[in-house]
Amino acid sequence: MRRDSSPPEALRAFPPEGGRRWWPAQLRPRRLLAWPAPRPSVLARGRCALFILATAVGGVGTSAVAQKVPESCAPLYLTFDTGHMGVAPLIAEVLRRQDVRVTFFAANEGTKEGDGSLGKHWAPWWKARAAEGHEFASHTWQHAYWRADVAAAPGGEARFRIQPSAGPQAGQRMTWTARQYCEEIALAGDRLASITGKKPLPLFRAPGGKTSPKLLAAAEGCGWRHVGWAPAGFLGDELPSGEYPNDALLKKALRDIRGGDILMAHLGIWSRQDPWAPAVLEPLISGLKARGFCFKTLREHPQYQGWIAAHGG
């Protein structure tokens, strides 16, 4: 969930629509991974035809189709950050129906129930997701934004300007040491482990994706590697629905997403008038499957497998 007043970095990839293209070519960021785009072929068309046929035949549900995705499919890595949790039950239902496993990045953010997203009210929800085989990682305990590096004394510990957006210190700008930032990451991870019974991955996502090389080095020094998202994987659920309606976000995602992309959405956005998940999530997953994609968790991501194995994940 975003409560940050500054524009998120990913907004740069979504300028107001003023022409046929959403993303001017001269502004298009370099891709995070060099996976080739799926090419039309007899095999790909055959997979699509089988998917459509299977979903149309009585007695064959989408979950049964998902279990038969070929090993040669192009993988995608769907991730969710916490939010107000209002759409969390719907998201869980869609993931069950589609037989898709994802990675959740969790912070203890404010919710519509008044309890934190990692509080007692939502603890059974998280435990159920663990039983379904989903993975978990930290989003920092207080949804704490990095604002700037702070000059350290010669030979001293790295320091950072940090602004939480959840909890009793929300909105305050503070100076934290690298050790304090590591404790902030670990606190969310420890809470996830206690309510799910499953050890989280040694990964984290900084709120808003805002980091610096020093911050990333500090986090890795205490065993946490940062995970961002692909440019096309920014699914737009935190953008104003008046300017970025759900049908347009769906079309853009189906058009632009490529194999190997990490996708990112939220478990509820306070500011969006027309919620994204009820309208987009299931047709997005179905549409990507029809293009020959499959879904995996970050535990299976080749860029992070070595790190996870080396850090007890």
C-alpha atoms as a PDB file:
ATOM      1  CA  MET A   1       0.000   0.000   0.000  1.00  0.00           C
ATOM      2  CA  ARG A   2       1.234   3.487  -0.774  1.00  0.00           C
ATOM      3  CA  ARG A   3       0.737   6.486   1.461  1.00  0.00           C
ATOM      4  CA  ASP A   4       3.819   8.187   0.095  1.00  0.00           C
ATOM      5  CA  SER A   5       3.259  11.704  -1.204  1.00  0.00           C
ATOM      6  CA  SER A   6       6.079  11.530  -3.752  1.00  0.00           C
ATOM      7  CA  PRO A   7       5.380   9.755  -7.054  1.00  0.00           C
ATOM      8  CA  PRO A   8       6.441   6.094  -7.107  1.00  0.00           C
ATOM      9  CA  GLU A   9       9.375   5.291  -9.334  1.00  0.00           C
ATOM     10  CA  ALA A  10       7.238   2.998 -11.454  1.00  0.00           C
ATOM     11  CA  LEU A  11       4.943   5.896 -12.386  1.00  0.00           C
ATOM     12  CA  ARG A  12       7.620   7.063 -14.795  1.00  0.00           C
ATOM     13  CA  ALA A  13       6.660   4.124 -16.972  1.00  0.00           C
ATOM     14  CA  PHE A  14       3.026   5.237 -17.001  1.00  0.00           C
ATOM     15  CA  PRO A  15       2.817   8.817 -18.274  1.00  0.00           C
ATOM     16  CA  PRO A  16      -0.740  10.094 -18.890  1.00  0.00           C
ATOM     17  CA  GLU A  17      -1.978   8.561 -22.102  1.00  0.00           C
ATOM     18  CA  GLY A  18      -1.503  11.116 -24.829  1.00  0.00           C
ATOM     19  CA  GLY A  19      -1.206   8.934 -27.869  1.00  0.00           C
ATOM     20  CA  ARG A  20      -1.271   5.395 -29.066  1.00  0.00           C
ATOM     21  CA  ARG A  21       1.576   4.211 -26.865  1.00  0.00           C
ATOM     22  CA  TRP A  22       1.577   4.192 -23.099  1.00  0.00           C
ATOM     23  CA  TRP A  23       5.352   4.060 -22.894  1.00  0.00           C
ATOM     24  CA  PRO A  24       7.495   6.315 -25.147  1.00  0.00           C
ATOM     25  CA  ALA A  25      10.290   4.280 -26.617  1.00  0.00           C
ATOM     26  CA  GLN A  26      12.937   6.802 -25.588  1.00  0.00           C
ATOM     27  CA  LEU A  27      11.878   6.455 -21.942  1.00  0.00           C
ATOM     28  CA  ARG A  28      11.565   2.692 -21.872  1.00  0.00           C
ATOM     29  CA  PRO A  29      13.820   1.323 -19.078  1.00  0.00           C
ATOM     30  CA  ARG A  30      16.166  -1.526 -19.715  1.00  0.00           C
ATOM     31  CA  ARG A  31      14.662  -4.888 -18.887  1.00  0.00           C
ATOM     32  CA  LEU A  32      15.579  -6.566 -15.627  1.00  0.00           C
ATOM     33  CA  LEU A  33      16.039  -9.975 -17.229  1.00  0.00           C
ATOM     34  CA  ALA A  34      16.972 -10.933 -20.752  1.00  0.00           C
ATOM     35  CA  TRP A  35      14.247 -13.507 -21.309  1.00  0.00           C
ATOM     36  CA  PRO A  36      13.161 -13.682 -24.934  1.00  0.00           C
ATOM     37  CA  ALA A  37       9.581 -12.806 -25.792  1.00  0.00           C
ATOM     38  CA  PRO A  38       7.461 -15.869 -26.522  1.00  0.00           C
ATOM     39  CA  ARG A  39       7.385 -16.394 -30.280  1.00  0.00           C
ATOM     40  CA  PRO A  40       4.307 -17.681 -32.097  1.00  0.00           C
ATOM     41  CA  SER A  41       4.821 -21.299 -33.052  1.00  0.00           C
ATOM     42  CA  VAL A  42       2.877 -24.433 -33.650  1.00  0.00           C
ATOM     43  CA  LEU A  43       3.668 -25.542 -30.091  1.00  0.00           C
ATOM     44  CA  ALA A  44       2.569 -22.244 -28.537  1.00  0.00           C
ATOM     45  CA  ARG A  45      -0.625 -22.181 -30.588  1.00  0.00           C
ATOM     46  CA  GLY A  46      -1.254 -25.780 -29.591  1.00  0.00           C
ATOM     47  CA  ARG A  47      -0.930 -24.904 -25.909  1.00  0.00           C
ATOM     48  CA  CYS A  48      -3.352 -22.030 -26.334  1.00  0.00           C
ATOM     49  CA  ALA A  49      -5.836 -24.253 -28.153  1.00  0.00           C
ATOM     50  CA  LEU A  50      -5.609 -26.909 -25.463  1.00  0.00           C
ATOM     51  CA  PHE A  51      -6.140 -24.272 -22.765  1.00  0.00           C
ATOM     52  CA  ILE A  52      -9.231 -22.873 -24.453  1.00  0.00           C
ATOM     53  CA  LEU A  53     -10.636 -26.327 -25.227  1.00  0.00           C
ATOM     54  CA  ALA A  54     -10.075 -27.601 -21.687  1.00  0.00           C
ATOM     55  CA  THR A  55     -11.780 -24.633 -20.066  1.00  0.00           C
ATOM     56  CA  ALA A  56     -14.777 -25.107 -22.362  1.00  0.00           C
ATOM     57  CA  VAL A  57     -15.259 -28.830 -21.713  1.00  0.00           C
ATOM     58  CA  GLY A  58     -17.631 -29.668 -18.865  1.00  0.00           C
ATOM     59  CA  GLY A  59     -15.976 -31.065 -15.755  1.00  0.00           C
ATOM     60  CA  VAL A  60     -12.546 -29.584 -16.531  1.00  0.00           C
ATOM     61  CA  GLY A  61     -11.819 -26.505 -14.424  1.00  0.00           C
ATOM     62  CA  THR A  62      -9.070 -23.921 -14.708  1.00  0.00           C
ATOM     63  CA  SER A  63      -7.146 -25.468 -11.819  1.00  0.00           C
ATOM     64  CA  ALA A  64      -6.937 -28.764 -13.709  1.00  0.00           C
ATOM     65  CA  VAL A  65      -5.582 -26.934 -16.745  1.00  0.00           C
ATOM     66  CA  ALA A  66      -2.989 -25.108 -14.662  1.00  0.00           C
ATOM     67  CA  GLN A  67      -1.608 -28.395 -13.344  1.00  0.00           C
ATOM     68  CA  LYS A  68      -0.847 -29.492 -16.925  1.00  0.00           C
ATOM     69  CA  VAL A  69       1.216 -26.466 -17.947  1.00  0.00           C
ATOM     70  CA  PRO A  70       4.263 -27.838 -19.806  1.00  0.00           C
ATOM     71  CA  GLU A  71       7.671 -27.545 -18.191  1.00  0.00           C
ATOM     72  CA  SER A  72       8.873 -25.580 -21.215  1.00  0.00           C
ATOM     73  CA  CYS A  73       6.522 -22.675 -20.463  1.00  0.00           C
ATOM     74  CA  ALA A  74       7.924 -19.182 -19.980  1.00  0.00           C
ATOM     75  CA  PRO A  75       7.858 -18.459 -16.221  1.00  0.00           C
ATOM     76  CA  LEU A  76       6.403 -15.377 -14.562  1.00  0.00           C
ATOM     77  CA  TYR A  77       6.780 -14.434 -10.905  1.00  0.00           C
ATOM     78  CA  LEU A  78       3.642 -12.831  -9.490  1.00  0.00           C
ATOM     79  CA  THR A  79       4.169 -10.944  -6.226  1.00  0.00           C
ATOM     80  CA  PHE A  80       1.843  -9.033  -3.909  1.00  0.00           C
ATOM     81  CA  ASP A  81       2.720  -6.325  -1.408  1.00  0.00           C
ATOM     82  CA  THR A  82       0.448  -5.751   1.561  1.00  0.00           C
ATOM     83  CA  GLY A  83      -2.204  -3.033   1.628  1.00  0.00           C
ATOM     84  CA  HIS A  84      -5.530  -2.453   3.359  1.00  0.00           C
ATOM     85  CA  MET A  85      -6.325  -6.181   2.828  1.00  0.00           C
ATOM     86  CA  GLY A  86      -9.866  -5.517   1.634  1.00  0.00           C
ATOM     87  CA  VAL A  87      -9.311  -7.567  -1.533  1.00  0.00           C
ATOM     88  CA  ALA A  88      -7.090 -10.201   0.098  1.00  0.00           C
ATOM     89  CA  PRO A  89      -9.841 -12.867   0.339  1.00  0.00           C
ATOM     90  CA  LEU A  90     -10.769 -12.366  -3.322  1.00  0.00           C
ATOM     91  CA  ILE A  91      -7.121 -12.590  -4.389  1.00  0.00           C
ATOM     92  CA  ALA A  92      -6.684 -15.817  -2.434  1.00  0.00           C
ATOM     93  CA  GLU A  93      -9.799 -17.272  -4.073  1.00  0.00           C
ATOM     94  CA  VAL A  94      -8.562 -16.417  -7.574  1.00  0.00           C
ATOM     95  CA  LEU A  95      -5.141 -17.921  -6.879  1.00  0.00           C
ATOM     96  CA  ARG A  96      -6.759 -21.148  -5.634  1.00  0.00           C
ATOM     97  CA  ARG A  97      -9.067 -21.354  -8.620  1.00  0.00           C
ATOM     98  CA  GLN A  98      -6.216 -20.736 -11.052  1.00  0.00           C
ATOM     99  CA  ASP A  99      -3.811 -23.008  -9.127  1.00  0.00           C
ATOM    100  CA  VAL A 100      -1.184 -20.265  -9.019  1.00  0.00           C
ATOM    101  CA  ARG A 101       1.484 -19.823  -6.327  1.00  0.00           C
ATOM    102  CA  VAL A 102       2.837 -16.354  -5.606  1.00  0.00           C
ATOM    103  CA  THR A 103       5.236 -14.549  -3.280  1.00  0.00           C
ATOM    104  CA  PHE A 104       3.795 -12.130  -0.711  1.00  0.00           C
ATOM    105  CA  PHE A 105       5.882  -9.225   0.607  1.00  0.00           C
ATOM    106  CA  ALA A 106       4.388  -8.240   3.954  1.00  0.00           C
ATOM    107  CA  ALA A 107       4.524  -5.168   6.184  1.00  0.00           C
ATOM    108  CA  ASN A 108       2.281  -4.439   9.153  1.00  0.00           C
ATOM    109  CA  GLU A 109       0.175  -1.826   7.363  1.00  0.00           C
ATOM    110  CA  GLY A 110      -3.123  -0.348   8.455  1.00  0.00           C
ATOM    111  CA  THR A 111      -6.242  -2.241   7.376  1.00  0.00           C
ATOM    112  CA  LYS A 112      -9.968  -1.643   7.147  1.00  0.00           C
ATOM    113  CA  GLU A 113     -10.477  -3.731  10.283  1.00  0.00           C
ATOM    114  CA  GLY A 114      -8.234  -1.456  12.346  1.00  0.00           C
ATOM    115  CA  ASP A 115      -5.744  -4.246  12.938  1.00  0.00           C
ATOM    116  CA  GLY A 116      -2.427  -4.351  11.113  1.00  0.00           C
ATOM    117  CA  SER A 117      -2.049  -6.520   8.028  1.00  0.00           C
ATOM    118  CA  LEU A 118       0.176  -8.789  10.147  1.00  0.00           C
ATOM    119  CA  GLY A 119      -2.051  -8.491  13.224  1.00  0.00           C
ATOM    120  CA  LYS A 120      -4.320 -11.031  14.894  1.00  0.00           C
ATOM    121  CA  HIS A 121      -7.271 -10.493  12.563  1.00  0.00           C
ATOM    122  CA  TRP A 122      -5.330 -11.469   9.455  1.00  0.00           C
ATOM    123  CA  ALA A 123      -3.102 -14.165  11.008  1.00  0.00           C
ATOM    124  CA  PRO A 124      -5.415 -17.042   9.912  1.00  0.00           C
ATOM    125  CA  TRP A 125      -5.424 -15.687   6.358  1.00  0.00           C
ATOM    126  CA  TRP A 126      -1.622 -15.791   6.216  1.00  0.00           C
ATOM    127  CA  LYS A 127      -1.505 -19.272   7.717  1.00  0.00           C
ATOM    128  CA  ALA A 128      -3.931 -20.523   5.068  1.00  0.00           C
ATOM    129  CA  ARG A 129      -1.732 -19.112   2.308  1.00  0.00           C
ATOM    130  CA  ALA A 130       1.263 -20.979   3.723  1.00  0.00           C
ATOM    131  CA  ALA A 131      -0.725 -24.228   3.624  1.00  0.00           C
ATOM    132  CA  GLU A 132      -1.447 -23.578  -0.063  1.00  0.00           C
ATOM    133  CA  GLY A 133       2.255 -23.358  -0.904  1.00  0.00           C
ATOM    134  CA  HIS A 134       2.746 -19.615  -1.313  1.00  0.00           C
ATOM    135  CA  GLU A 135       6.024 -17.956  -0.312  1.00  0.00           C
ATOM    136  CA  PHE A 136       6.604 -14.961   1.958  1.00  0.00           C
ATOM    137  CA  ALA A 137       9.181 -12.192   2.283  1.00  0.00           C
ATOM    138  CA  SER A 138       9.614  -8.923   4.181  1.00  0.00           C
ATOM    139  CA  HIS A 139       8.287  -5.545   3.088  1.00  0.00           C
ATOM    140  CA  THR A 140       9.740  -3.934   6.284  1.00  0.00           C
ATOM    141  CA  TRP A 141       7.667  -3.904   9.471  1.00  0.00           C
ATOM    142  CA  GLN A 142       6.513  -0.256   9.372  1.00  0.00           C
ATOM    143  CA  HIS A 143       6.413   0.023   5.569  1.00  0.00           C
ATOM    144  CA  ALA A 144       9.484   2.201   5.987  1.00  0.00           C
ATOM    145  CA  TYR A 145      10.576   4.315   3.018  1.00  0.00           C
ATOM    146  CA  TRP A 146      14.220   5.059   2.331  1.00  0.00           C
ATOM    147  CA  ARG A 147      14.567   8.812   1.727  1.00  0.00           C
ATOM    148  CA  ALA A 148      18.315   9.426   1.582  1.00  0.00           C
ATOM    149  CA  ASP A 149      21.714   8.192   2.643  1.00  0.00           C
ATOM    150  CA  VAL A 150      23.250  10.068   5.576  1.00  0.00           C
ATOM    151  CA  ALA A 151      26.967  10.767   5.726  1.00  0.00           C
ATOM    152  CA  ALA A 152      28.656   8.469   8.206  1.00  0.00           C
ATOM    153  CA  ALA A 153      31.729   9.179  10.270  1.00  0.00           C
ATOM    154  CA  PRO A 154      34.959   7.790   8.781  1.00  0.00           C
ATOM    155  CA  GLY A 155      34.867   4.072   9.368  1.00  0.00           C
ATOM    156  CA  GLY A 156      31.425   4.376  10.937  1.00  0.00           C
ATOM    157  CA  GLU A 157      28.263   2.422  10.269  1.00  0.00           C
ATOM    158  CA  ALA A 158      26.138   3.379   7.268  1.00  0.00           C
ATOM    159  CA  ARG A 159      23.137   5.556   8.109  1.00  0.00           C
ATOM    160  CA  PHE A 160      19.933   6.368   6.280  1.00  0.00           C
ATOM    161  CA  ARG A 161      17.029   8.795   6.391  1.00  0.00           C
ATOM    162  CA  ILE A 162      13.928   6.625   6.814  1.00  0.00           C
ATOM    163  CA  GLN A 163      10.216   7.500   6.911  1.00  0.00           C
ATOM    164  CA  PRO A 164       7.712   4.837   8.019  1.00  0.00           C
ATOM    165  CA  SER A 165       4.199   5.049   6.591  1.00  0.00           C
ATOM    166  CA  ALA A 166       2.587   2.647   9.096  1.00  0.00           C
ATOM    167  CA  GLY A 167       2.609   2.288  12.854  1.00  0.00           C
ATOM    168  CA  PRO A 168       3.097   4.898  15.605  1.00  0.00           C
ATOM    169  CA  GLN A 169       6.032   6.540  13.799  1.00  0.00           C
ATOM    170  CA  ALA A 170       4.194   6.963  10.489  1.00  0.00           C
ATOM    171  CA  GLY A 171       5.194  10.156   8.700  1.00  0.00           C
ATOM    172  CA  GLN A 172       8.230  10.858  10.873  1.00  0.00           C
ATOM    173  CA  ARG A 173      11.653  11.173   9.276  1.00  0.00           C
ATOM    174  CA  MET A 174      14.362   9.487  11.291  1.00  0.00           C
ATOM    175  CA  THR A 175      18.000   8.556  10.928  1.00  0.00           C
ATOM    176  CA  TRP A 176      18.619   4.839  11.211  1.00  0.00           C
ATOM    177  CA  THR A 177      21.838   2.875  11.235  1.00  0.00           C
ATOM    178  CA  ALA A 178      22.320  -0.116   8.973  1.00  0.00           C
ATOM    179  CA  ARG A 179      21.703  -2.334  11.998  1.00  0.00           C
ATOM    180  CA  GLN A 180      18.370  -0.645  12.714  1.00  0.00           C
ATOM    181  CA  TYR A 181      17.274  -1.042   9.106  1.00  0.00           C
ATOM    182  CA  CYS A 182      18.171  -4.731   9.206  1.00  0.00           C
ATOM    183  CA  GLU A 183      16.115  -5.129  12.381  1.00  0.00           C
ATOM    184  CA  GLU A 184      13.172  -3.481  10.607  1.00  0.00           C
ATOM    185  CA  ILE A 185      13.365  -6.012   7.772  1.00  0.00           C
ATOM    186  CA  ALA A 186      13.770  -8.926  10.160  1.00  0.00           C
ATOM    187  CA  LEU A 187      10.808  -7.912  12.328  1.00  0.00           C
ATOM    188  CA  ALA A 188       8.352  -8.451   9.466  1.00  0.00           C
ATOM    189  CA  GLY A 189      10.052 -11.733   8.602  1.00  0.00           C
ATOM    190  CA  ASP A 190       9.857 -12.951  12.195  1.00  0.00           C
ATOM    191  CA  ARG A 191       6.167 -12.090  12.402  1.00  0.00           C
ATOM    192  CA  LEU A 192       5.459 -13.950   9.161  1.00  0.00           C
ATOM    193  CA  ALA A 193       7.244 -17.021  10.500  1.00  0.00           C
ATOM    194  CA  SER A 194       5.301 -16.927  13.765  1.00  0.00           C
ATOM    195  CA  ILE A 195       1.831 -16.702  12.195  1.00  0.00           C
ATOM    196  CA  THR A 196       2.396 -18.997   9.200  1.00  0.00           C
ATOM    197  CA  GLY A 197       4.731 -21.604  10.646  1.00  0.00           C
ATOM    198  CA  LYS A 198       6.825 -21.173   7.499  1.00  0.00           C
ATOM    199  CA  LYS A 199      10.222 -19.525   7.287  1.00  0.00           C
ATOM    200  CA  PRO A 200      10.123 -16.545   4.911  1.00  0.00           C
ATOM    201  CA  LEU A 201      12.555 -16.219   2.050  1.00  0.00           C
ATOM    202  CA  PRO A 202      15.709 -14.170   2.818  1.00  0.00           C
ATOM    203  CA  LEU A 203      14.392 -11.501   0.458  1.00  0.00           C
ATOM    204  CA  PHE A 204      12.787  -8.102   0.965  1.00  0.00           C
ATOM    205  CA  ARG A 205      11.173  -5.346  -1.032  1.00  0.00           C
ATOM    206  CA  ALA A 206      11.699  -1.748  -0.002  1.00  0.00           C
ATOM    207  CA  PRO A 207       8.446   0.258  -0.029  1.00  0.00           C
ATOM    208  CA  GLY A 208       8.068   2.043  -3.339  1.00  0.00           C
ATOM    209  CA  GLY A 209      11.165   0.209  -4.560  1.00  0.00           C
ATOM    210  CA  LYS A 210      13.149   3.142  -3.159  1.00  0.00           C
ATOM    211  CA  THR A 211      16.735   2.164  -2.332  1.00  0.00           C
ATOM    212  CA  SER A 212      20.353   3.210  -2.699  1.00  0.00           C
ATOM    213  CA  PRO A 213      23.485   1.124  -3.315  1.00  0.00           C
ATOM    214  CA  LYS A 214      24.476   1.658   0.327  1.00  0.00           C
ATOM    215  CA  LEU A 215      21.077   0.526   1.581  1.00  0.00           C
ATOM    216  CA  LEU A 216      21.170  -2.608  -0.571  1.00  0.00           C
ATOM    217  CA  ALA A 217      24.703  -3.396   0.617  1.00  0.00           C
ATOM    218  CA  ALA A 218      23.644  -2.968   4.242  1.00  0.00           C
ATOM    219  CA  ALA A 219      20.658  -5.279   3.783  1.00  0.00           C
ATOM    220  CA  GLU A 220      22.725  -7.939   2.045  1.00  0.00           C
ATOM    221  CA  GLY A 221      25.269  -7.669   4.843  1.00  0.00           C
ATOM    222  CA  CYS A 222      22.643  -8.960   7.258  1.00  0.00           C
ATOM    223  CA  GLY A 223      21.236 -11.589   4.917  1.00  0.00           C
ATOM    224  CA  TRP A 224      18.464  -9.865   2.931  1.00  0.00           C
ATOM    225  CA  ARG A 225      18.477  -9.390  -0.840  1.00  0.00           C
ATOM    226  CA  HIS A 226      16.203  -6.841  -2.461  1.00  0.00           C
ATOM    227  CA  VAL A 227      13.603  -7.762  -5.098  1.00  0.00           C
ATOM    228  CA  GLY A 228      12.098  -5.172  -7.413  1.00  0.00           C
ATOM    229  CA  TRP A 229       9.853  -5.788 -10.408  1.00  0.00           C
ATOM    230  CA  ALA A 230      10.059  -5.681 -14.197  1.00  0.00           C
ATOM    231  CA  PRO A 231       8.930  -2.456 -15.913  1.00  0.00           C
ATOM    232  CA  ALA A 232       6.054  -4.310 -17.591  1.00  0.00           C
ATOM    233  CA  GLY A 233       5.414  -6.119 -14.309  1.00  0.00           C
ATOM    234  CA  PHE A 234       4.199  -2.941 -12.618  1.00  0.00           C
ATOM    235  CA  LEU A 235       0.507  -3.823 -12.879  1.00  0.00           C
ATOM    236  CA  GLY A 236      -0.751  -0.335 -12.060  1.00  0.00           C
ATOM    237  CA  ASP A 237      -3.171  -1.133  -9.247  1.00  0.00           C
ATOM    238  CA  GLU A 238      -1.969   1.901  -7.270  1.00  0.00           C
ATOM    239  CA  LEU A 239      -2.539   4.372 -10.110  1.00  0.00           C
ATOM    240  CA  PRO A 240      -5.618   6.660 -10.255  1.00  0.00           C
ATOM    241  CA  SER A 241      -8.462   4.668 -11.791  1.00  0.00           C
ATOM    242  CA  GLY A 242      -9.787   7.748 -13.594  1.00  0.00           C
ATOM    243  CA  GLU A 243      -6.611   8.029 -15.673  1.00  0.00           C
ATOM    244  CA  TYR A 244      -5.715   4.337 -15.735  1.00  0.00           C
ATOM    245  CA  PRO A 245      -8.931   2.270 -15.903  1.00  0.00           C
ATOM    246  CA  ASN A 246      -8.829  -1.434 -15.258  1.00  0.00           C
ATOM    247  CA  ASP A 247      -9.484  -2.490 -18.854  1.00  0.00           C
ATOM    248  CA  ALA A 248      -6.541  -0.408 -20.067  1.00  0.00           C
ATOM    249  CA  LEU A 249      -4.232  -1.824 -17.384  1.00  0.00           C
ATOM    250  CA  LEU A 250      -5.259  -5.359 -18.351  1.00  0.00           C
ATOM    251  CA  LYS A 251      -4.632  -4.778 -22.053  1.00  0.00           C
ATOM    252  CA  LYS A 252      -1.235  -3.226 -21.386  1.00  0.00           C
ATOM    253  CA  ALA A 253      -0.140  -6.072 -19.127  1.00  0.00           C
ATOM    254  CA  LEU A 254      -1.236  -8.771 -21.581  1.00  0.00           C
ATOM    255  CA  ARG A 255       0.574  -6.939 -24.366  1.00  0.00           C
ATOM    256  CA  ASP A 256       3.858  -6.095 -22.644  1.00  0.00           C
ATOM    257  CA  ILE A 257       4.674  -8.821 -20.112  1.00  0.00           C
ATOM    258  CA  ARG A 258       7.481 -11.168 -21.147  1.00  0.00           C
ATOM    259  CA  GLY A 259       8.908 -14.414 -19.813  1.00  0.00           C
ATOM    260  CA  GLY A 260      10.983 -14.016 -16.662  1.00  0.00           C
ATOM    261  CA  ASP A 261       9.203 -10.851 -15.541  1.00  0.00           C
ATOM    262  CA  ILE A 262       8.507 -10.222 -11.874  1.00  0.00           C
ATOM    263  CA  LEU A 263       4.972  -8.828 -11.537  1.00  0.00           C
ATOM    264  CA  MET A 264       3.810  -6.621  -8.654  1.00  0.00           C
ATOM    265  CA  ALA A 265       0.393  -5.704  -7.259  1.00  0.00           C
ATOM    266  CA  HIS A 266      -1.076  -5.063  -3.799  1.00  0.00           C
ATOM    267  CA  LEU A 267      -3.553  -6.512  -1.313  1.00  0.00           C
ATOM    268  CA  GLY A 268      -5.593  -3.320  -1.449  1.00  0.00           C
ATOM    269  CA  ILE A 269      -4.910   0.329  -2.318  1.00  0.00           C
ATOM    270  CA  TRP A 270      -6.674   3.023  -0.312  1.00  0.00           C
ATOM    271  CA  SER A 271      -6.550   5.688  -3.004  1.00  0.00           C
ATOM    272  CA  ARG A 272      -7.844   3.728  -6.014  1.00  0.00           C
ATOM    273  CA  GLN A 273     -11.546   4.361  -6.612  1.00  0.00           C
ATOM    274  CA  ASP A 274     -12.178   1.311  -8.828  1.00  0.00           C
ATOM    275  CA  PRO A 275     -10.346  -1.650  -7.250  1.00  0.00           C
ATOM    276  CA  TRP A 276      -7.979  -3.453  -9.589  1.00  0.00           C
ATOM    277  CA  ALA A 277      -8.068  -7.045  -8.353  1.00  0.00           C
ATOM    278  CA  PRO A 278     -11.792  -7.848  -8.820  1.00  0.00           C
ATOM    279  CA  ALA A 279     -11.711  -6.729 -12.456  1.00  0.00           C
ATOM    280  CA  VAL A 280      -8.204  -7.616 -13.617  1.00  0.00           C
ATOM    281  CA  LEU A 281      -6.504 -10.411 -11.670  1.00  0.00           C
ATOM    282  CA  GLU A 282      -8.318 -13.476 -13.012  1.00  0.00           C
ATOM    283  CA  PRO A 283      -8.505 -12.401 -16.679  1.00  0.00           C
ATOM    284  CA  LEU A 284      -4.845 -11.414 -16.438  1.00  0.00           C
ATOM    285  CA  ILE A 285      -3.787 -14.828 -15.152  1.00  0.00           C
ATOM    286  CA  SER A 286      -5.989 -16.664 -17.668  1.00  0.00           C
ATOM    287  CA  GLY A 287      -4.777 -14.492 -20.519  1.00  0.00           C
ATOM    288  CA  LEU A 288      -1.124 -14.989 -19.643  1.00  0.00           C
ATOM    289  CA  LYS A 289      -1.620 -18.748 -19.406  1.00  0.00           C
ATOM    290  CA  ALA A 290      -3.202 -18.681 -22.850  1.00  0.00           C
ATOM    291  CA  ARG A 291      -0.044 -16.993 -24.148  1.00  0.00           C
ATOM    292  CA  GLY A 292       2.028 -19.941 -22.894  1.00  0.00           C
ATOM    293  CA  PHE A 293       3.198 -18.486 -19.571  1.00  0.00           C
ATOM    294  CA  CYS A 294       3.227 -20.245 -16.212  1.00  0.00           C
ATOM    295  CA  PHE A 295       3.607 -18.901 -12.679  1.00  0.00           C
ATOM    296  CA  LYS A 296       6.331 -19.652 -10.149  1.00  0.00           C
ATOM    297  CA  THR A 297       7.388 -18.264  -6.784  1.00  0.00           C
ATOM    298  CA  LEU A 298      10.617 -16.384  -6.188  1.00  0.00           C
ATOM    299  CA  ARG A 299      12.055 -19.496  -4.571  1.00  0.00           C
ATOM    300  CA  GLU A 300      12.300 -20.833  -8.127  1.00  0.00           C
ATOM    301  CA  HIS A 301      13.711 -17.649  -9.664  1.00  0.00           C
ATOM    302  CA  PRO A 302      17.195 -18.324 -11.103  1.00  0.00           C
ATOM    303  CA  GLN A 303      18.467 -14.930  -9.956  1.00  0.00           C
ATOM    304  CA  TYR A 304      17.654 -15.689  -6.303  1.00  0.00           C
ATOM    305  CA  GLN A 305      17.964 -19.465  -5.962  1.00  0.00           C
ATOM    306  CA  GLY A 306      21.644 -19.348  -5.019  1.00  0.00           C
ATOM    307  CA  TRP A 307      21.099 -16.575  -2.475  1.00  0.00           C
ATOM    308  CA  ILE A 308      18.161 -18.403  -0.889  1.00  0.00           C
ATOM    309  CA  ALA A 309      20.127 -21.649  -0.622  1.00  0.00           C
ATOM    310  CA  ALA A 310      23.128 -19.858   0.904  1.00  0.00           C
ATOM    311  CA  HIS A 311      21.035 -18.014   3.488  1.00  0.00           C
ATOM    312  CA  GLY A 312      18.878 -20.802   4.832  1.00  0.00           C
ATOM    313  CA  GLY A 313      15.719 -20.076   2.879  1.00  0.00           C
END
